Amino acid sequence: MPSSLRVQVVQGWPRRFEEVVLELPAGATLGDAVAASGLETGGISGYAIHGERAIAATPLRDGDRVELLRPLQVDPKDARRRRAAAQKD
């Protein structure tokens, strides 16, 4: 069993993103990675690993991509309705 693992922690915005690559001890959790990343976590609504929702206690594996999720600004259904209405004009 390896003594360490390498993970990415990513936080995205509409036109940019911030990424930190970390080397953590084996057995580290998602919460450990977020704390070690130094990224601003205010306004985060949840976490994901490779796009799948996860919690802070989730154990990490080598090569995982931890994503810091922000709340939706617009309901996707409303956004589709607005785009469809705009195309009709």
N, C-alpha and C. Protein backbone atom coordinates (compact mmCIF):
# COMPACT_ATOMS: atom_id res chain seq x y z
N MET A 1 0.85 -1.18 0.00
CA MET A 1 0.00 0.00 0.00
C MET A 1 0.89 1.25 0.00
N PRO A 2 0.59 2.22 -0.90
CA PRO A 2 1.43 3.42 -0.95
C PRO A 2 1.27 4.26 0.32
N SER A 3 2.34 4.98 0.67
CA SER A 3 2.30 5.79 1.88
C SER A 3 1.72 7.18 1.65
N SER A 4 1.52 7.54 0.37
CA SER A 4 0.93 8.84 0.06
C SER A 4 0.08 8.75 -1.19
N LEU A 5 -0.72 9.78 -1.41
CA LEU A 5 -1.54 9.84 -2.62
C LEU A 5 -1.53 11.26 -3.15
N ARG A 6 -1.73 11.38 -4.44
CA ARG A 6 -1.73 12.68 -5.11
C ARG A 6 -3.14 12.97 -5.60
N VAL A 7 -3.67 14.13 -5.23
CA VAL A 7 -5.03 14.52 -5.63
C VAL A 7 -5.04 15.96 -6.13
N GLN A 8 -6.06 16.29 -6.89
CA GLN A 8 -6.31 17.66 -7.34
C GLN A 8 -7.51 18.18 -6.57
N VAL A 9 -7.46 19.45 -6.19
CA VAL A 9 -8.63 20.12 -5.61
C VAL A 9 -8.92 21.28 -6.54
N VAL A 10 -10.16 21.34 -7.05
CA VAL A 10 -10.53 22.32 -8.07
C VAL A 10 -11.75 23.11 -7.62
N GLN A 11 -11.69 24.41 -7.87
CA GLN A 11 -12.82 25.30 -7.62
C GLN A 11 -13.03 26.10 -8.90
N GLY A 12 -14.26 26.12 -9.41
CA GLY A 12 -14.52 26.79 -10.67
C GLY A 12 -15.54 27.91 -10.56
N TRP A 13 -15.40 28.85 -11.47
CA TRP A 13 -16.33 29.96 -11.65
C TRP A 13 -16.71 29.98 -13.12
N PRO A 14 -17.62 30.84 -13.55
CA PRO A 14 -18.06 30.80 -14.95
C PRO A 14 -16.94 30.86 -16.00
N ARG A 15 -15.91 31.65 -15.82
CA ARG A 15 -14.90 31.77 -16.86
C ARG A 15 -13.48 31.50 -16.40
N ARG A 16 -13.33 30.91 -15.22
CA ARG A 16 -12.00 30.59 -14.71
C ARG A 16 -12.10 29.49 -13.66
N PHE A 17 -10.96 28.94 -13.31
CA PHE A 17 -10.93 27.95 -12.25
C PHE A 17 -9.59 28.04 -11.53
N GLU A 18 -9.56 27.50 -10.34
CA GLU A 18 -8.34 27.44 -9.54
C GLU A 18 -8.11 25.98 -9.18
N GLU A 19 -6.88 25.53 -9.32
CA GLU A 19 -6.56 24.12 -9.08
C GLU A 19 -5.32 24.02 -8.21
N VAL A 20 -5.36 23.11 -7.25
CA VAL A 20 -4.21 22.84 -6.39
C VAL A 20 -3.96 21.34 -6.44
N VAL A 21 -2.72 20.96 -6.69
CA VAL A 21 -2.33 19.55 -6.66
C VAL A 21 -1.64 19.29 -5.33
N LEU A 22 -2.10 18.26 -4.63
CA LEU A 22 -1.60 17.97 -3.29
C LEU A 22 -1.04 16.56 -3.19
N GLU A 23 -0.06 16.39 -2.34
CA GLU A 23 0.45 15.09 -1.94
C GLU A 23 0.02 14.90 -0.49
N LEU A 24 -0.84 13.92 -0.24
CA LEU A 24 -1.39 13.69 1.09
C LEU A 24 -1.02 12.30 1.58
N PRO A 25 -1.05 12.09 2.89
CA PRO A 25 -0.77 10.74 3.40
C PRO A 25 -1.89 9.76 3.04
N ALA A 26 -1.54 8.51 2.88
CA ALA A 26 -2.54 7.48 2.62
C ALA A 26 -3.59 7.53 3.73
N GLY A 27 -4.84 7.34 3.37
CA GLY A 27 -5.93 7.38 4.34
C GLY A 27 -6.54 8.76 4.50
N ALA A 28 -6.05 9.74 3.73
CA ALA A 28 -6.60 11.10 3.82
C ALA A 28 -8.04 11.12 3.29
N THR A 29 -8.81 12.07 3.81
CA THR A 29 -10.21 12.21 3.40
C THR A 29 -10.38 13.45 2.53
N LEU A 30 -11.56 13.57 1.94
CA LEU A 30 -11.90 14.75 1.15
C LEU A 30 -11.74 16.01 2.00
N GLY A 31 -12.19 15.98 3.24
CA GLY A 31 -12.06 17.12 4.14
C GLY A 31 -10.60 17.50 4.37
N ASP A 32 -9.73 16.50 4.48
CA ASP A 32 -8.30 16.78 4.65
C ASP A 32 -7.76 17.52 3.42
N ALA A 33 -8.16 17.09 2.23
CA ALA A 33 -7.69 17.71 1.00
C ALA A 33 -8.17 19.15 0.89
N VAL A 34 -9.42 19.39 1.22
CA VAL A 34 -9.97 20.75 1.16
C VAL A 34 -9.22 21.66 2.13
N ALA A 35 -8.99 21.19 3.34
CA ALA A 35 -8.27 21.99 4.34
C ALA A 35 -6.84 22.28 3.89
N ALA A 36 -6.18 21.30 3.31
CA ALA A 36 -4.79 21.47 2.88
C ALA A 36 -4.66 22.32 1.61
N SER A 37 -5.74 22.45 0.86
CA SER A 37 -5.68 23.17 -0.43
C SER A 37 -5.46 24.66 -0.25
N GLY A 38 -5.96 25.22 0.84
CA GLY A 38 -5.86 26.65 1.05
C GLY A 38 -6.84 27.45 0.21
N LEU A 39 -7.73 26.79 -0.52
CA LEU A 39 -8.72 27.48 -1.33
C LEU A 39 -9.83 28.05 -0.45
N GLU A 40 -10.41 29.15 -0.89
CA GLU A 40 -11.51 29.80 -0.16
C GLU A 40 -12.75 28.90 -0.24
N THR A 41 -13.29 28.52 0.90
CA THR A 41 -14.44 27.61 0.90
C THR A 41 -15.74 28.30 1.27
N GLY A 42 -15.71 29.62 1.46
CA GLY A 42 -16.95 30.35 1.73
C GLY A 42 -17.86 30.28 0.52
N GLY A 43 -19.12 29.97 0.73
CA GLY A 43 -20.06 29.88 -0.38
C GLY A 43 -20.10 28.53 -1.06
N ILE A 44 -19.36 27.57 -0.56
CA ILE A 44 -19.36 26.22 -1.14
C ILE A 44 -20.62 25.49 -0.67
N SER A 45 -21.32 24.87 -1.61
CA SER A 45 -22.56 24.17 -1.24
C SER A 45 -22.37 22.66 -1.12
N GLY A 46 -21.21 22.16 -1.52
CA GLY A 46 -20.97 20.73 -1.43
C GLY A 46 -19.67 20.35 -2.11
N TYR A 47 -19.44 19.04 -2.19
CA TYR A 47 -18.21 18.52 -2.76
C TYR A 47 -18.54 17.39 -3.74
N ALA A 48 -17.59 17.14 -4.64
CA ALA A 48 -17.71 16.00 -5.55
C ALA A 48 -16.32 15.43 -5.79
N ILE A 49 -16.27 14.15 -6.11
CA ILE A 49 -15.03 13.51 -6.55
C ILE A 49 -15.32 12.97 -7.94
N HIS A 50 -14.60 13.48 -8.91
CA HIS A 50 -14.82 13.12 -10.32
C HIS A 50 -16.29 13.29 -10.71
N GLY A 51 -16.93 14.36 -10.24
CA GLY A 51 -18.30 14.67 -10.61
C GLY A 51 -19.38 13.97 -9.81
N GLU A 52 -19.02 13.10 -8.90
CA GLU A 52 -19.99 12.38 -8.07
C GLU A 52 -20.01 13.03 -6.68
N ARG A 53 -21.21 13.38 -6.19
CA ARG A 53 -21.33 14.03 -4.88
C ARG A 53 -20.63 13.19 -3.81
N ALA A 54 -20.01 13.88 -2.87
CA ALA A 54 -19.29 13.21 -1.79
C ALA A 54 -19.37 14.07 -0.53
N ILE A 55 -19.00 13.49 0.59
CA ILE A 55 -18.98 14.22 1.86
C ILE A 55 -17.54 14.33 2.34
N ALA A 56 -17.32 15.20 3.32
CA ALA A 56 -15.97 15.47 3.81
C ALA A 56 -15.27 14.21 4.34
N ALA A 57 -16.01 13.25 4.85
CA ALA A 57 -15.41 12.04 5.42
C ALA A 57 -15.04 10.98 4.36
N THR A 58 -15.31 11.25 3.10
CA THR A 58 -15.03 10.28 2.04
C THR A 58 -13.53 10.06 1.90
N PRO A 59 -13.06 8.80 1.98
CA PRO A 59 -11.63 8.54 1.80
C PRO A 59 -11.22 8.78 0.35
N LEU A 60 -10.02 9.27 0.17
CA LEU A 60 -9.51 9.57 -1.17
C LEU A 60 -8.64 8.44 -1.70
N ARG A 61 -8.56 8.37 -3.04
CA ARG A 61 -7.66 7.44 -3.71
C ARG A 61 -6.69 8.24 -4.56
N ASP A 62 -5.56 7.66 -4.84
CA ASP A 62 -4.56 8.33 -5.66
C ASP A 62 -5.18 8.73 -7.01
N GLY A 63 -4.97 9.98 -7.41
CA GLY A 63 -5.47 10.47 -8.69
C GLY A 63 -6.86 11.09 -8.64
N ASP A 64 -7.49 11.13 -7.47
CA ASP A 64 -8.83 11.72 -7.36
C ASP A 64 -8.81 13.21 -7.67
N ARG A 65 -9.92 13.68 -8.22
CA ARG A 65 -10.13 15.11 -8.49
C ARG A 65 -11.28 15.56 -7.58
N VAL A 66 -10.96 16.37 -6.58
CA VAL A 66 -11.94 16.88 -5.63
C VAL A 66 -12.46 18.21 -6.17
N GLU A 67 -13.78 18.33 -6.28
CA GLU A 67 -14.39 19.54 -6.82
C GLU A 67 -15.19 20.24 -5.73
N LEU A 68 -14.95 21.54 -5.57
CA LEU A 68 -15.70 22.36 -4.62
C LEU A 68 -16.90 22.93 -5.38
N LEU A 69 -18.09 22.59 -4.96
CA LEU A 69 -19.31 22.96 -5.69
C LEU A 69 -19.93 24.23 -5.12
N ARG A 70 -20.37 25.10 -6.03
CA ARG A 70 -21.06 26.33 -5.65
C ARG A 70 -22.56 26.12 -5.88
N PRO A 71 -23.40 26.89 -5.19
CA PRO A 71 -24.84 26.76 -5.43
C PRO A 71 -25.19 27.24 -6.84
N LEU A 72 -26.24 26.68 -7.40
CA LEU A 72 -26.71 27.13 -8.72
C LEU A 72 -27.23 28.55 -8.62
N GLN A 73 -26.88 29.38 -9.58
CA GLN A 73 -27.36 30.76 -9.59
C GLN A 73 -28.73 30.85 -10.25
N VAL A 74 -29.00 29.93 -11.17
CA VAL A 74 -30.27 29.91 -11.89
C VAL A 74 -30.73 28.46 -12.00
N ASP A 75 -32.00 28.22 -11.79
CA ASP A 75 -32.56 26.89 -11.97
C ASP A 75 -32.36 26.48 -13.43
N PRO A 76 -31.75 25.32 -13.71
CA PRO A 76 -31.51 24.92 -15.10
C PRO A 76 -32.77 24.88 -15.96
N LYS A 77 -33.90 24.52 -15.38
CA LYS A 77 -35.15 24.49 -16.15
C LYS A 77 -35.55 25.91 -16.57
N ASP A 78 -35.43 26.86 -15.66
CA ASP A 78 -35.74 28.26 -16.00
C ASP A 78 -34.79 28.78 -17.08
N ALA A 79 -33.52 28.43 -16.97
CA ALA A 79 -32.55 28.89 -17.97
C ALA A 79 -32.90 28.36 -19.35
N ARG A 80 -33.30 27.09 -19.46
CA ARG A 80 -33.70 26.51 -20.75
C ARG A 80 -34.94 27.21 -21.31
N ARG A 81 -35.91 27.49 -20.43
CA ARG A 81 -37.12 28.19 -20.88
C ARG A 81 -36.78 29.57 -21.44
N ARG A 82 -35.89 30.29 -20.75
CA ARG A 82 -35.49 31.62 -21.22
C ARG A 82 -34.77 31.55 -22.57
N ARG A 83 -33.88 30.58 -22.74
CA ARG A 83 -33.18 30.44 -24.02
C ARG A 83 -34.16 30.11 -25.14
N ALA A 84 -35.11 29.22 -24.86
CA ALA A 84 -36.10 28.83 -25.87
C ALA A 84 -36.97 30.03 -26.26
N ALA A 85 -37.38 30.82 -25.26
CA ALA A 85 -38.19 31.99 -25.53
C ALA A 85 -37.42 33.02 -26.35
N ALA A 86 -36.14 33.18 -26.07
CA ALA A 86 -35.31 34.14 -26.81
C ALA A 86 -35.13 33.72 -28.26
N GLN A 87 -35.06 32.41 -28.52
CA GLN A 87 -34.88 31.91 -29.89
C GLN A 87 -36.13 32.11 -30.73
N LYS A 88 -37.31 32.16 -30.10
CA LYS A 88 -38.57 32.34 -30.82
C LYS A 88 -38.70 33.77 -31.34
N ASP A 89 -38.05 34.72 -30.68
CA ASP A 89 -38.18 36.12 -31.08
C ASP A 89 -37.46 36.45 -32.35
